[in-house]
C-alpha atoms as a PDB file:
ATOM      1  CA  UNK A   1     -27.830 -50.027  80.105  1.00  0.00           C
ATOM      2  CA  UNK A   2     -25.004 -48.055  78.614  1.00  0.00           C
ATOM      3  CA  UNK A   3     -24.733 -44.835  76.707  1.00  0.00           C
ATOM      4  CA  UNK A   4     -23.475 -44.977  73.141  1.00  0.00           C
ATOM      5  CA  UNK A   5     -22.704 -42.129  70.751  1.00  0.00           C
ATOM      6  CA  UNK A   6     -25.591 -40.717  68.774  1.00  0.00           C
ATOM      7  CA  UNK A   7     -24.446 -39.912  65.233  1.00  0.00           C
ATOM      8  CA  UNK A   8     -27.429 -37.608  64.802  1.00  0.00           C
ATOM      9  CA  UNK A   9     -26.775 -35.524  67.907  1.00  0.00           C
ATOM     10  CA  UNK A  10     -23.366 -35.471  69.625  1.00  0.00           C
ATOM     11  CA  UNK A  11     -24.667 -34.067  72.928  1.00  0.00           C
ATOM     12  CA  UNK A  12     -27.520 -36.568  73.204  1.00  0.00           C
ATOM     13  CA  UNK A  13     -26.200 -40.119  73.552  1.00  0.00           C
ATOM     14  CA  UNK A  14     -28.364 -43.118  72.872  1.00  0.00           C
ATOM     15  CA  UNK A  15     -29.051 -45.742  75.505  1.00  0.00           C
ATOM     16  CA  UNK A  16     -28.349 -49.369  74.691  1.00  0.00           C
ATOM     17  CA  UNK A  17     -29.107 -52.498  76.681  1.00  0.00           C
ATOM     18  CA  UNK A  18     -26.087 -54.475  77.880  1.00  0.00           C
ATOM     19  CA  UNK A  19     -25.751 -58.266  77.845  1.00  0.00           C
ATOM     20  CA  UNK A  20     -26.455 -58.265  81.586  1.00  0.00           C
ATOM     21  CA  UNK A  21     -29.526 -56.108  81.061  1.00  0.00           C
ATOM     22  CA  UNK A  22     -30.788 -58.446  78.359  1.00  0.00           C
ATOM     23  CA  UNK A  23     -30.316 -61.407  80.706  1.00  0.00           C
ATOM     24  CA  UNK A  24     -32.393 -59.588  83.333  1.00  0.00           C
ATOM     25  CA  UNK A  25     -35.189 -58.924  80.850  1.00  0.00           C
ATOM     26  CA  UNK A  26     -35.192 -62.566  79.760  1.00  0.00           C
ATOM     27  CA  UNK A  27     -35.320 -63.697  83.403  1.00  0.00           C
ATOM     28  CA  UNK A  28     -38.239 -61.357  84.123  1.00  0.00           C
ATOM     29  CA  UNK A  29     -40.038 -62.672  81.028  1.00  0.00           C
ATOM     30  CA  UNK A  30     -39.645 -66.261  82.280  1.00  0.00           C
ATOM     31  CA  UNK A  31     -41.009 -65.241  85.698  1.00  0.00           C
ATOM     32  CA  UNK A  32     -43.941 -63.447  84.032  1.00  0.00           C
ATOM     33  CA  UNK A  33     -44.710 -66.574  82.007  1.00  0.00           C
ATOM     34  CA  UNK A  34     -44.777 -68.723  85.163  1.00  0.00           C
ATOM     35  CA  UNK A  35     -47.011 -66.240  86.969  1.00  0.00           C
ATOM     36  CA  UNK A  36     -49.437 -66.083  84.036  1.00  0.00           C
ATOM     37  CA  UNK A  37     -49.509 -69.884  83.778  1.00  0.00           C
ATOM     38  CA  UNK A  38     -50.420 -69.996  87.465  1.00  0.00           C
ATOM     39  CA  UNK A  39     -53.244 -67.455  87.325  1.00  0.00           C
ATOM     40  CA  UNK A  40     -54.488 -68.119  83.812  1.00  0.00           C
ATOM     41  CA  UNK A  41     -56.710 -71.175  84.451  1.00  0.00           C
ATOM     42  CA  UNK A  42     -60.226 -69.870  84.906  1.00  0.00           C
ATOM     43  CA  UNK A  43     -59.430 -66.377  83.650  1.00  0.00           C
ATOM     44  CA  UNK A  44     -60.385 -65.384  80.154  1.00  0.00           C
ATOM     45  CA  UNK A  45     -58.343 -62.924  78.106  1.00  0.00           C
ATOM     46  CA  UNK A  46     -61.203 -60.466  78.629  1.00  0.00           C
ATOM     47  CA  UNK A  47     -60.843 -60.870  82.414  1.00  0.00           C
ATOM     48  CA  UNK A  48     -57.144 -60.064  82.176  1.00  0.00           C
ATOM     49  CA  UNK A  49     -57.849 -56.998  80.020  1.00  0.00           C
ATOM     50  CA  UNK A  50     -60.357 -55.677  82.569  1.00  0.00           C
ATOM     51  CA  UNK A  51     -57.937 -56.349  85.436  1.00  0.00           C
ATOM     52  CA  UNK A  52     -55.056 -54.591  83.668  1.00  0.00           C
ATOM     53  CA  UNK A  53     -57.267 -51.601  82.862  1.00  0.00           C
ATOM     54  CA  UNK A  54     -58.501 -51.394  86.466  1.00  0.00           C
ATOM     55  CA  UNK A  55     -54.982 -51.546  87.894  1.00  0.00           C
ATOM     56  CA  UNK A  56     -53.803 -48.891  85.407  1.00  0.00           C
ATOM     57  CA  UNK A  57     -56.599 -46.513  86.487  1.00  0.00           C
ATOM     58  CA  UNK A  58     -55.813 -47.086  90.169  1.00  0.00           C
ATOM     59  CA  UNK A  59     -52.098 -46.402  89.555  1.00  0.00           C
ATOM     60  CA  UNK A  60     -52.867 -43.250  87.570  1.00  0.00           C
ATOM     61  CA  UNK A  61     -55.142 -41.925  90.315  1.00  0.00           C
ATOM     62  CA  UNK A  62     -52.543 -42.603  92.996  1.00  0.00           C
ATOM     63  CA  UNK A  63     -49.889 -40.858  90.924  1.00  0.00           C
ATOM     64  CA  UNK A  64     -52.143 -37.882  90.219  1.00  0.00           C
ATOM     65  CA  UNK A  65     -53.286 -37.327  93.801  1.00  0.00           C
ATOM     66  CA  UNK A  66     -51.161 -34.856  95.786  1.00  0.00           C
ATOM     67  CA  UNK A  67     -52.098 -36.769  98.944  1.00  0.00           C
ATOM     68  CA  UNK A  68     -50.412 -39.954  97.681  1.00  0.00           C
ATOM     69  CA  UNK A  69     -47.519 -38.333  95.807  1.00  0.00           C
ATOM     70  CA  UNK A  70     -44.938 -38.741  98.655  1.00  0.00           C
ATOM     71  CA  UNK A  71     -45.766 -42.452  98.985  1.00  0.00           C
ATOM     72  CA  UNK A  72     -45.610 -42.957  95.221  1.00  0.00           C
ATOM     73  CA  UNK A  73     -42.274 -41.146  94.996  1.00  0.00           C
ATOM     74  CA  UNK A  74     -40.847 -43.279  97.817  1.00  0.00           C
ATOM     75  CA  UNK A  75     -42.065 -46.472  96.128  1.00  0.00           C
ATOM     76  CA  UNK A  76     -40.639 -45.473  92.753  1.00  0.00           C
ATOM     77  CA  UNK A  77     -37.349 -44.502  94.352  1.00  0.00           C
ATOM     78  CA  UNK A  78     -36.913 -47.986  95.876  1.00  0.00           C
END
C-alpha cells in the first residue's frame, strides 16, 4: 500500500495498492481457491453460509468480551 495525494482533501491522502500488494492478494486468492476446492466436496453452499455466519458471531463475541480483549488485541497485532 502507498499513500497518494487526494485532490479532494490535501490533508487526507488516499491509499493505493502497490504492484507487490496486488501480487499478494492474487496469491491469497489462489490459496483460497485451493482450500475451497479441498473442503467443498460434500458441503453445500448453504452449509458454507451457515459456517461463515457461525464463525462471524464467534469472532464478534470474542472481540466484544472484555475478558478476551487482550488475547484478541495480541492476535490482531501479530
